[in-house]
Amino acid sequence: MQTKMFDRPVYLSERKDLVIEIANLADAIDFLEEWSEGDQDLIHDATLKTCYLAHDGLKPISVARDTLCAFAKKKGILVEAPAVLPWMLKGTSGGGRVSP
């Protein structure tokens, strides 16, 4: 199966201390499918439908990404991309060596 990647990931605040990265349509659909039923509304339904249409090739992937960003902004969970990602930082450890 071909992965339908976004041109840039979308970062969402799932909880106060947890930011998740949505990098492709499958991640977006999973996120939206797991959204609390009590919080599902017309905007959620339209966003999920747009992602499914993009998955089926009926809408551009960029439209699905933009729709997800608009949904996240409306819900107050959109997070700006971090300037420095954790994996980019050089570790401060001694490379696994044990001091005598």
PDB file of N, CA and C in Angstrom:
ATOM      1  N   MET A   1       0.839  -1.180   0.000  1.00  0.00           N
ATOM      2  CA  MET A   1       0.000   0.000   0.000  1.00  0.00           C
ATOM      3  C   MET A   1       0.884   1.244   0.000  1.00  0.00           C
ATOM      4  N   GLN A   2       0.542   2.202  -0.822  1.00  0.00           N
ATOM      5  CA  GLN A   2       1.307   3.430  -0.920  1.00  0.00           C
ATOM      6  C   GLN A   2       0.952   4.357   0.236  1.00  0.00           C
ATOM      7  N   THR A   3       1.981   4.876   0.919  1.00  0.00           N
ATOM      8  CA  THR A   3       1.762   5.817   2.005  1.00  0.00           C
ATOM      9  C   THR A   3       1.495   7.191   1.425  1.00  0.00           C
ATOM     10  N   LYS A   4       0.445   7.815   1.867  1.00  0.00           N
ATOM     11  CA  LYS A   4       0.077   9.137   1.373  1.00  0.00           C
ATOM     12  C   LYS A   4       0.554  10.167   2.382  1.00  0.00           C
ATOM     13  N   MET A   5       1.813  10.587   2.194  1.00  0.00           N
ATOM     14  CA  MET A   5       2.484  11.491   3.131  1.00  0.00           C
ATOM     15  C   MET A   5       2.072  12.939   2.899  1.00  0.00           C
ATOM     16  N   PHE A   6       2.010  13.704   3.995  1.00  0.00           N
ATOM     17  CA  PHE A   6       1.831  15.144   3.896  1.00  0.00           C
ATOM     18  C   PHE A   6       3.165  15.770   3.505  1.00  0.00           C
ATOM     19  N   ASP A   7       3.122  16.934   2.880  1.00  0.00           N
ATOM     20  CA  ASP A   7       4.374  17.618   2.543  1.00  0.00           C
ATOM     21  C   ASP A   7       5.096  18.095   3.800  1.00  0.00           C
ATOM     22  N   ARG A   8       4.351  18.416   4.861  1.00  0.00           N
ATOM     23  CA  ARG A   8       4.894  18.773   6.172  1.00  0.00           C
ATOM     24  C   ARG A   8       4.000  18.151   7.229  1.00  0.00           C
ATOM     25  N   PRO A   9       4.563  17.634   8.303  1.00  0.00           N
ATOM     26  CA  PRO A   9       3.726  17.052   9.362  1.00  0.00           C
ATOM     27  C   PRO A   9       2.884  18.124  10.047  1.00  0.00           C
ATOM     28  N   VAL A  10       1.824  17.667  10.673  1.00  0.00           N
ATOM     29  CA  VAL A  10       0.968  18.520  11.494  1.00  0.00           C
ATOM     30  C   VAL A  10       1.191  18.089  12.938  1.00  0.00           C
ATOM     31  N   TYR A  11       1.389  19.053  13.833  1.00  0.00           N
ATOM     32  CA  TYR A  11       1.622  18.753  15.239  1.00  0.00           C
ATOM     33  C   TYR A  11       0.386  19.137  16.035  1.00  0.00           C
ATOM     34  N   LEU A  12      -0.102  18.174  16.825  1.00  0.00           N
ATOM     35  CA  LEU A  12      -1.321  18.372  17.604  1.00  0.00           C
ATOM     36  C   LEU A  12      -1.057  18.093  19.070  1.00  0.00           C
ATOM     37  N   SER A  13      -1.674  18.894  19.911  1.00  0.00           N
ATOM     38  CA  SER A  13      -1.566  18.707  21.348  1.00  0.00           C
ATOM     39  C   SER A  13      -2.678  17.757  21.787  1.00  0.00           C
ATOM     40  N   GLU A  14      -2.289  16.520  22.099  1.00  0.00           N
ATOM     41  CA  GLU A  14      -3.292  15.535  22.503  1.00  0.00           C
ATOM     42  C   GLU A  14      -3.667  15.718  23.973  1.00  0.00           C
ATOM     43  N   ARG A  15      -2.681  16.056  24.770  1.00  0.00           N
ATOM     44  CA  ARG A  15      -2.877  16.408  26.176  1.00  0.00           C
ATOM     45  C   ARG A  15      -1.950  17.577  26.457  1.00  0.00           C
ATOM     46  N   LYS A  16      -2.022  18.089  27.659  1.00  0.00           N
ATOM     47  CA  LYS A  16      -1.191  19.243  28.009  1.00  0.00           C
ATOM     48  C   LYS A  16       0.293  18.970  27.778  1.00  0.00           C
ATOM     49  N   ASP A  17       0.735  17.773  28.087  1.00  0.00           N
ATOM     50  CA  ASP A  17       2.162  17.462  28.011  1.00  0.00           C
ATOM     51  C   ASP A  17       2.515  16.511  26.871  1.00  0.00           C
ATOM     52  N   LEU A  18       1.619  16.333  25.902  1.00  0.00           N
ATOM     53  CA  LEU A  18       1.878  15.391  24.813  1.00  0.00           C
ATOM     54  C   LEU A  18       1.532  16.012  23.466  1.00  0.00           C
ATOM     55  N   VAL A  19       2.531  16.119  22.602  1.00  0.00           N
ATOM     56  CA  VAL A  19       2.330  16.608  21.239  1.00  0.00           C
ATOM     57  C   VAL A  19       2.566  15.431  20.302  1.00  0.00           C
ATOM     58  N   ILE A  20       1.615  15.215  19.398  1.00  0.00           N
ATOM     59  CA  ILE A  20       1.768  14.122  18.449  1.00  0.00           C
ATOM     60  C   ILE A  20       1.993  14.684  17.047  1.00  0.00           C
ATOM     61  N   GLU A  21       2.672  13.893  16.231  1.00  0.00           N
ATOM     62  CA  GLU A  21       2.977  14.275  14.860  1.00  0.00           C
ATOM     63  C   GLU A  21       2.082  13.477  13.924  1.00  0.00           C
ATOM     64  N   ILE A  22       1.365  14.177  13.070  1.00  0.00           N
ATOM     65  CA  ILE A  22       0.538  13.553  12.038  1.00  0.00           C
ATOM     66  C   ILE A  22       1.269  13.780  10.717  1.00  0.00           C
ATOM     67  N   ALA A  23       1.840  12.706  10.165  1.00  0.00           N
ATOM     68  CA  ALA A  23       2.690  12.832   8.985  1.00  0.00           C
ATOM     69  C   ALA A  23       2.033  12.359   7.694  1.00  0.00           C
ATOM     70  N   ASN A  24       0.902  11.642   7.796  1.00  0.00           N
ATOM     71  CA  ASN A  24       0.273  11.107   6.587  1.00  0.00           C
ATOM     72  C   ASN A  24      -1.227  10.943   6.792  1.00  0.00           C
ATOM     73  N   LEU A  25      -1.908  10.576   5.737  1.00  0.00           N
ATOM     74  CA  LEU A  25      -3.364  10.429   5.800  1.00  0.00           C
ATOM     75  C   LEU A  25      -3.806   9.346   6.777  1.00  0.00           C
ATOM     76  N   ALA A  26      -3.071   8.250   6.831  1.00  0.00           N
ATOM     77  CA  ALA A  26      -3.447   7.169   7.745  1.00  0.00           C
ATOM     78  C   ALA A  26      -3.409   7.650   9.192  1.00  0.00           C
ATOM     79  N   ASP A  27      -2.370   8.414   9.540  1.00  0.00           N
ATOM     80  CA  ASP A  27      -2.284   8.974  10.893  1.00  0.00           C
ATOM     81  C   ASP A  27      -3.446   9.928  11.163  1.00  0.00           C
ATOM     82  N   ALA A  28      -3.768  10.756  10.184  1.00  0.00           N
ATOM     83  CA  ALA A  28      -4.860  11.715  10.336  1.00  0.00           C
ATOM     84  C   ALA A  28      -6.197  11.001  10.538  1.00  0.00           C
ATOM     85  N   ILE A  29      -6.441   9.988   9.726  1.00  0.00           N
ATOM     86  CA  ILE A  29      -7.700   9.242   9.842  1.00  0.00           C
ATOM     87  C   ILE A  29      -7.778   8.534  11.188  1.00  0.00           C
ATOM     88  N   ASP A  30      -6.686   7.920  11.610  1.00  0.00           N
ATOM     89  CA  ASP A  30      -6.670   7.257  12.925  1.00  0.00           C
ATOM     90  C   ASP A  30      -6.958   8.258  14.035  1.00  0.00           C
ATOM     91  N   PHE A  31      -6.319   9.413  13.983  1.00  0.00           N
ATOM     92  CA  PHE A  31      -6.532  10.441  14.999  1.00  0.00           C
ATOM     93  C   PHE A  31      -7.999  10.860  15.042  1.00  0.00           C
ATOM     94  N   LEU A  32      -8.567  11.118  13.872  1.00  0.00           N
ATOM     95  CA  LEU A  32      -9.956  11.578  13.816  1.00  0.00           C
ATOM     96  C   LEU A  32     -10.945  10.480  14.217  1.00  0.00           C
ATOM     97  N   GLU A  33     -10.632   9.230  13.875  1.00  0.00           N
ATOM     98  CA  GLU A  33     -11.500   8.113  14.261  1.00  0.00           C
ATOM     99  C   GLU A  33     -11.522   7.919  15.780  1.00  0.00           C
ATOM    100  N   GLU A  34     -10.406   8.231  16.433  1.00  0.00           N
ATOM    101  CA  GLU A  34     -10.306   8.059  17.884  1.00  0.00           C
ATOM    102  C   GLU A  34     -10.816   9.273  18.655  1.00  0.00           C
ATOM    103  N   TRP A  35     -11.208  10.321  17.950  1.00  0.00           N
ATOM    104  CA  TRP A  35     -11.708  11.537  18.592  1.00  0.00           C
ATOM    105  C   TRP A  35     -12.954  11.197  19.396  1.00  0.00           C
ATOM    106  N   SER A  36     -13.059  11.738  20.578  1.00  0.00           N
ATOM    107  CA  SER A  36     -14.174  11.452  21.487  1.00  0.00           C
ATOM    108  C   SER A  36     -15.528  11.678  20.803  1.00  0.00           C
ATOM    109  N   GLU A  37     -16.410  10.692  20.936  1.00  0.00           N
ATOM    110  CA  GLU A  37     -17.730  10.800  20.296  1.00  0.00           C
ATOM    111  C   GLU A  37     -18.498  12.007  20.797  1.00  0.00           C
ATOM    112  N   GLY A  38     -18.309  12.356  22.063  1.00  0.00           N
ATOM    113  CA  GLY A  38     -19.001  13.513  22.621  1.00  0.00           C
ATOM    114  C   GLY A  38     -18.549  14.828  22.014  1.00  0.00           C
ATOM    115  N   ASP A  39     -17.345  14.852  21.448  1.00  0.00           N
ATOM    116  CA  ASP A  39     -16.802  16.067  20.843  1.00  0.00           C
ATOM    117  C   ASP A  39     -16.895  16.067  19.327  1.00  0.00           C
ATOM    118  N   GLN A  40     -17.468  15.027  18.748  1.00  0.00           N
ATOM    119  CA  GLN A  40     -17.614  14.984  17.290  1.00  0.00           C
ATOM    120  C   GLN A  40     -18.740  15.924  16.884  1.00  0.00           C
ATOM    121  N   ASP A  41     -18.460  16.742  15.889  1.00  0.00           N
ATOM    122  CA  ASP A  41     -19.431  17.700  15.400  1.00  0.00           C
ATOM    123  C   ASP A  41     -19.330  17.785  13.878  1.00  0.00           C
ATOM    124  N   LEU A  42     -19.971  18.771  13.309  1.00  0.00           N
ATOM    125  CA  LEU A  42     -19.974  18.931  11.854  1.00  0.00           C
ATOM    126  C   LEU A  42     -18.566  19.154  11.305  1.00  0.00           C
ATOM    127  N   ILE A  43     -17.751  19.910  12.032  1.00  0.00           N
ATOM    128  CA  ILE A  43     -16.379  20.184  11.585  1.00  0.00           C
ATOM    129  C   ILE A  43     -15.563  18.895  11.596  1.00  0.00           C
ATOM    130  N   HIS A  44     -15.716  18.105  12.641  1.00  0.00           N
ATOM    131  CA  HIS A  44     -15.015  16.814  12.730  1.00  0.00           C
ATOM    132  C   HIS A  44     -15.432  15.907  11.575  1.00  0.00           C
ATOM    133  N   ASP A  45     -16.730  15.808  11.356  1.00  0.00           N
ATOM    134  CA  ASP A  45     -17.242  14.936  10.291  1.00  0.00           C
ATOM    135  C   ASP A  45     -16.732  15.369   8.911  1.00  0.00           C
ATOM    136  N   ALA A  46     -16.710  16.676   8.653  1.00  0.00           N
ATOM    137  CA  ALA A  46     -16.244  17.181   7.364  1.00  0.00           C
ATOM    138  C   ALA A  46     -14.746  16.919   7.193  1.00  0.00           C
ATOM    139  N   THR A  47     -13.988  17.069   8.277  1.00  0.00           N
ATOM    140  CA  THR A  47     -12.545  16.823   8.216  1.00  0.00           C
ATOM    141  C   THR A  47     -12.270  15.349   7.935  1.00  0.00           C
ATOM    142  N   LEU A  48     -12.956  14.468   8.628  1.00  0.00           N
ATOM    143  CA  LEU A  48     -12.775  13.034   8.419  1.00  0.00           C
ATOM    144  C   LEU A  48     -13.172  12.640   6.999  1.00  0.00           C
ATOM    145  N   LYS A  49     -14.278  13.186   6.515  1.00  0.00           N
ATOM    146  CA  LYS A  49     -14.732  12.873   5.151  1.00  0.00           C
ATOM    147  C   LYS A  49     -13.708  13.352   4.124  1.00  0.00           C
ATOM    148  N   THR A  50     -13.138  14.531   4.333  1.00  0.00           N
ATOM    149  CA  THR A  50     -12.120  15.051   3.424  1.00  0.00           C
ATOM    150  C   THR A  50     -10.897  14.144   3.395  1.00  0.00           C
ATOM    151  N   CYS A  51     -10.498  13.651   4.566  1.00  0.00           N
ATOM    152  CA  CYS A  51      -9.343  12.741   4.629  1.00  0.00           C
ATOM    153  C   CYS A  51      -9.636  11.437   3.884  1.00  0.00           C
ATOM    154  N   TYR A  52     -10.841  10.914   4.044  1.00  0.00           N
ATOM    155  CA  TYR A  52     -11.213   9.694   3.318  1.00  0.00           C
ATOM    156  C   TYR A  52     -11.235   9.942   1.803  1.00  0.00           C
ATOM    157  N   LEU A  53     -11.751  11.092   1.387  1.00  0.00           N
ATOM    158  CA  LEU A  53     -11.779  11.409  -0.047  1.00  0.00           C
ATOM    159  C   LEU A  53     -10.361  11.532  -0.607  1.00  0.00           C
ATOM    160  N   ALA A  54      -9.457  12.122   0.162  1.00  0.00           N
ATOM    161  CA  ALA A  54      -8.060  12.227  -0.273  1.00  0.00           C
ATOM    162  C   ALA A  54      -7.412  10.847  -0.320  1.00  0.00           C
ATOM    163  N   HIS A  55      -7.746  10.009   0.644  1.00  0.00           N
ATOM    164  CA  HIS A  55      -7.209   8.642   0.668  1.00  0.00           C
ATOM    165  C   HIS A  55      -7.646   7.868  -0.578  1.00  0.00           C
ATOM    166  N   ASP A  56      -8.877   8.111  -1.004  1.00  0.00           N
ATOM    167  CA  ASP A  56      -9.413   7.433  -2.187  1.00  0.00           C
ATOM    168  C   ASP A  56      -8.999   8.102  -3.496  1.00  0.00           C
ATOM    169  N   GLY A  57      -8.219   9.195  -3.408  1.00  0.00           N
ATOM    170  CA  GLY A  57      -7.743   9.879  -4.604  1.00  0.00           C
ATOM    171  C   GLY A  57      -8.714  10.870  -5.199  1.00  0.00           C
ATOM    172  N   LEU A  58      -9.773  11.200  -4.474  1.00  0.00           N
ATOM    173  CA  LEU A  58     -10.780  12.116  -4.992  1.00  0.00           C
ATOM    174  C   LEU A  58     -10.517  13.569  -4.610  1.00  0.00           C
ATOM    175  N   LYS A  59      -9.614  13.781  -3.674  1.00  0.00           N
ATOM    176  CA  LYS A  59      -9.182  15.126  -3.277  1.00  0.00           C
ATOM    177  C   LYS A  59      -7.672  15.095  -3.125  1.00  0.00           C
ATOM    178  N   PRO A  60      -7.010  16.226  -3.324  1.00  0.00           N
ATOM    179  CA  PRO A  60      -5.553  16.277  -3.123  1.00  0.00           C
ATOM    180  C   PRO A  60      -5.198  16.080  -1.641  1.00  0.00           C
ATOM    181  N   ILE A  61      -4.051  15.495  -1.394  1.00  0.00           N
ATOM    182  CA  ILE A  61      -3.594  15.272  -0.021  1.00  0.00           C
ATOM    183  C   ILE A  61      -3.391  16.609   0.690  1.00  0.00           C
ATOM    184  N   SER A  62      -2.968  17.621  -0.052  1.00  0.00           N
ATOM    185  CA  SER A  62      -2.761  18.937   0.559  1.00  0.00           C
ATOM    186  C   SER A  62      -4.061  19.515   1.114  1.00  0.00           C
ATOM    187  N   VAL A  63      -5.177  19.224   0.468  1.00  0.00           N
ATOM    188  CA  VAL A  63      -6.478  19.696   0.959  1.00  0.00           C
ATOM    189  C   VAL A  63      -6.818  19.005   2.281  1.00  0.00           C
ATOM    190  N   ALA A  64      -6.534  17.713   2.373  1.00  0.00           N
ATOM    191  CA  ALA A  64      -6.782  16.987   3.616  1.00  0.00           C
ATOM    192  C   ALA A  64      -5.924  17.553   4.740  1.00  0.00           C
ATOM    193  N   ARG A  65      -4.643  17.849   4.446  1.00  0.00           N
ATOM    194  CA  ARG A  65      -3.759  18.414   5.460  1.00  0.00           C
ATOM    195  C   ARG A  65      -4.266  19.773   5.914  1.00  0.00           C
ATOM    196  N   ASP A  66      -4.643  20.622   4.957  1.00  0.00           N
ATOM    197  CA  ASP A  66      -5.147  21.954   5.298  1.00  0.00           C
ATOM    198  C   ASP A  66      -6.429  21.869   6.123  1.00  0.00           C
ATOM    199  N   THR A  67      -7.287  20.925   5.791  1.00  0.00           N
ATOM    200  CA  THR A  67      -8.535  20.734   6.535  1.00  0.00           C
ATOM    201  C   THR A  67      -8.248  20.267   7.953  1.00  0.00           C
ATOM    202  N   LEU A  68      -7.279  19.359   8.101  1.00  0.00           N
ATOM    203  CA  LEU A  68      -6.892  18.892   9.431  1.00  0.00           C
ATOM    204  C   LEU A  68      -6.336  20.055  10.256  1.00  0.00           C
ATOM    205  N   CYS A  69      -5.524  20.901   9.643  1.00  0.00           N
ATOM    206  CA  CYS A  69      -4.979  22.069  10.350  1.00  0.00           C
ATOM    207  C   CYS A  69      -6.104  23.013  10.793  1.00  0.00           C
ATOM    208  N   ALA A  70      -7.076  23.245   9.920  1.00  0.00           N
ATOM    209  CA  ALA A  70      -8.201  24.116  10.267  1.00  0.00           C
ATOM    210  C   ALA A  70      -9.013  23.515  11.419  1.00  0.00           C
ATOM    211  N   PHE A  71      -9.234  22.208  11.366  1.00  0.00           N
ATOM    212  CA  PHE A  71      -9.944  21.515  12.451  1.00  0.00           C
ATOM    213  C   PHE A  71      -9.196  21.683  13.764  1.00  0.00           C
ATOM    214  N   ALA A  72      -7.880  21.427  13.724  1.00  0.00           N
ATOM    215  CA  ALA A  72      -7.065  21.495  14.943  1.00  0.00           C
ATOM    216  C   ALA A  72      -7.021  22.919  15.500  1.00  0.00           C
ATOM    217  N   LYS A  73      -6.937  23.895  14.609  1.00  0.00           N
ATOM    218  CA  LYS A  73      -6.922  25.289  15.057  1.00  0.00           C
ATOM    219  C   LYS A  73      -8.242  25.647  15.723  1.00  0.00           C
ATOM    220  N   LYS A  74      -9.346  25.215  15.123  1.00  0.00           N
ATOM    221  CA  LYS A  74     -10.677  25.483  15.678  1.00  0.00           C
ATOM    222  C   LYS A  74     -10.838  24.837  17.052  1.00  0.00           C
ATOM    223  N   LYS A  75     -10.265  23.646  17.226  1.00  0.00           N
ATOM    224  CA  LYS A  75     -10.370  22.925  18.501  1.00  0.00           C
ATOM    225  C   LYS A  75      -9.306  23.364  19.515  1.00  0.00           C
ATOM    226  N   GLY A  76      -8.364  24.206  19.075  1.00  0.00           N
ATOM    227  CA  GLY A  76      -7.336  24.701  19.980  1.00  0.00           C
ATOM    228  C   GLY A  76      -6.229  23.704  20.272  1.00  0.00           C
ATOM    229  N   ILE A  77      -5.987  22.767  19.344  1.00  0.00           N
ATOM    230  CA  ILE A  77      -4.962  21.744  19.572  1.00  0.00           C
ATOM    231  C   ILE A  77      -3.822  21.808  18.568  1.00  0.00           C
ATOM    232  N   LEU A  78      -3.849  22.782  17.660  1.00  0.00           N
ATOM    233  CA  LEU A  78      -2.780  22.913  16.675  1.00  0.00           C
ATOM    234  C   LEU A  78      -1.547  23.492  17.353  1.00  0.00           C
ATOM    235  N   VAL A  79      -0.407  22.852  17.126  1.00  0.00           N
ATOM    236  CA  VAL A  79       0.859  23.282  17.717  1.00  0.00           C
ATOM    237  C   VAL A  79       1.807  23.638  16.581  1.00  0.00           C
ATOM    238  N   GLU A  80       2.517  24.748  16.733  1.00  0.00           N
ATOM    239  CA  GLU A  80       3.527  25.126  15.744  1.00  0.00           C
ATOM    240  C   GLU A  80       4.629  24.066  15.736  1.00  0.00           C
ATOM    241  N   ALA A  81       5.202  23.832  14.579  1.00  0.00           N
ATOM    242  CA  ALA A  81       6.293  22.863  14.474  1.00  0.00           C
ATOM    243  C   ALA A  81       7.446  23.320  15.355  1.00  0.00           C
ATOM    244  N   PRO A  82       7.998  22.401  16.146  1.00  0.00           N
ATOM    245  CA  PRO A  82       9.125  22.790  16.997  1.00  0.00           C
ATOM    246  C   PRO A  82      10.329  23.183  16.138  1.00  0.00           C
ATOM    247  N   ALA A  83      11.048  24.205  16.588  1.00  0.00           N
ATOM    248  CA  ALA A  83      12.214  24.676  15.839  1.00  0.00           C
ATOM    249  C   ALA A  83      13.312  23.620  15.820  1.00  0.00           C
ATOM    250  N   VAL A  84      13.474  22.934  16.927  1.00  0.00           N
ATOM    251  CA  VAL A  84      14.478  21.880  17.027  1.00  0.00           C
ATOM    252  C   VAL A  84      13.777  20.630  17.542  1.00  0.00           C
ATOM    253  N   LEU A  85      13.817  19.586  16.752  1.00  0.00           N
ATOM    254  CA  LEU A  85      13.199  18.337  17.153  1.00  0.00           C
ATOM    255  C   LEU A  85      14.122  17.587  18.112  1.00  0.00           C
ATOM    256  N   PRO A  86      13.569  16.816  19.039  1.00  0.00           N
ATOM    257  CA  PRO A  86      14.403  16.138  20.039  1.00  0.00           C
ATOM    258  C   PRO A  86      15.512  15.281  19.439  1.00  0.00           C
ATOM    259  N   TRP A  87      15.272  14.630  18.323  1.00  0.00           N
ATOM    260  CA  TRP A  87      16.290  13.757  17.741  1.00  0.00           C
ATOM    261  C   TRP A  87      17.441  14.547  17.125  1.00  0.00           C
ATOM    262  N   MET A  88      17.261  15.862  16.963  1.00  0.00           N
ATOM    263  CA  MET A  88      18.314  16.694  16.389  1.00  0.00           C
ATOM    264  C   MET A  88      19.365  17.109  17.427  1.00  0.00           C
ATOM    265  N   LEU A  89      19.008  16.991  18.702  1.00  0.00           N
ATOM    266  CA  LEU A  89      19.922  17.404  19.760  1.00  0.00           C
ATOM    267  C   LEU A  89      21.003  16.366  19.982  1.00  0.00           C
ATOM    268  N   LYS A  90      22.213  16.850  20.179  1.00  0.00           N
ATOM    269  CA  LYS A  90      23.329  15.940  20.465  1.00  0.00           C
ATOM    270  C   LYS A  90      23.216  15.511  21.918  1.00  0.00           C
ATOM    271  N   GLY A  91      23.356  14.235  22.137  1.00  0.00           N
ATOM    272  CA  GLY A  91      23.291  13.707  23.488  1.00  0.00           C
ATOM    273  C   GLY A  91      24.450  14.200  24.327  1.00  0.00           C
ATOM    274  N   THR A  92      24.246  14.324  25.628  1.00  0.00           N
ATOM    275  CA  THR A  92      25.306  14.785  26.508  1.00  0.00           C
ATOM    276  C   THR A  92      25.994  13.623  27.208  1.00  0.00           C
ATOM    277  N   SER A  93      25.587  12.430  26.878  1.00  0.00           N
ATOM    278  CA  SER A  93      26.198  11.270  27.536  1.00  0.00           C
ATOM    279  C   SER A  93      27.576  11.001  26.949  1.00  0.00           C
ATOM    280  N   GLY A  94      28.307  10.143  27.608  1.00  0.00           N
ATOM    281  CA  GLY A  94      29.665   9.825  27.168  1.00  0.00           C
ATOM    282  C   GLY A  94      29.721   8.680  26.193  1.00  0.00           C
ATOM    283  N   GLY A  95      28.652   8.401  25.526  1.00  0.00           N
ATOM    284  CA  GLY A  95      28.661   7.352  24.521  1.00  0.00           C
ATOM    285  C   GLY A  95      28.572   5.957  25.113  1.00  0.00           C
ATOM    286  N   GLY A  96      28.072   5.836  26.328  1.00  0.00           N
ATOM    287  CA  GLY A  96      27.867   4.527  26.932  1.00  0.00           C
ATOM    288  C   GLY A  96      29.040   4.036  27.766  1.00  0.00           C
ATOM    289  N   ARG A  97      30.073   4.831  27.858  1.00  0.00           N
ATOM    290  CA  ARG A  97      31.232   4.420  28.648  1.00  0.00           C
ATOM    291  C   ARG A  97      30.973   4.623  30.130  1.00  0.00           C
ATOM    292  N   VAL A  98      31.540   3.760  30.924  1.00  0.00           N
ATOM    293  CA  VAL A  98      31.397   3.860  32.372  1.00  0.00           C
ATOM    294  C   VAL A  98      32.665   4.473  32.929  1.00  0.00           C
ATOM    295  N   SER A  99      32.499   5.486  33.763  1.00  0.00           N
ATOM    296  CA  SER A  99      33.676   6.113  34.381  1.00  0.00           C
ATOM    297  C   SER A  99      34.240   5.203  35.456  1.00  0.00           C
ATOM    298  N   PRO A 100      35.607   5.108  35.538  1.00  0.00           N
ATOM    299  CA  PRO A 100      36.212   4.252  36.550  1.00  0.00           C
ATOM    300  C   PRO A 100      36.119   4.843  37.934  1.00  0.00           C
TER     301      PRO A 100
END
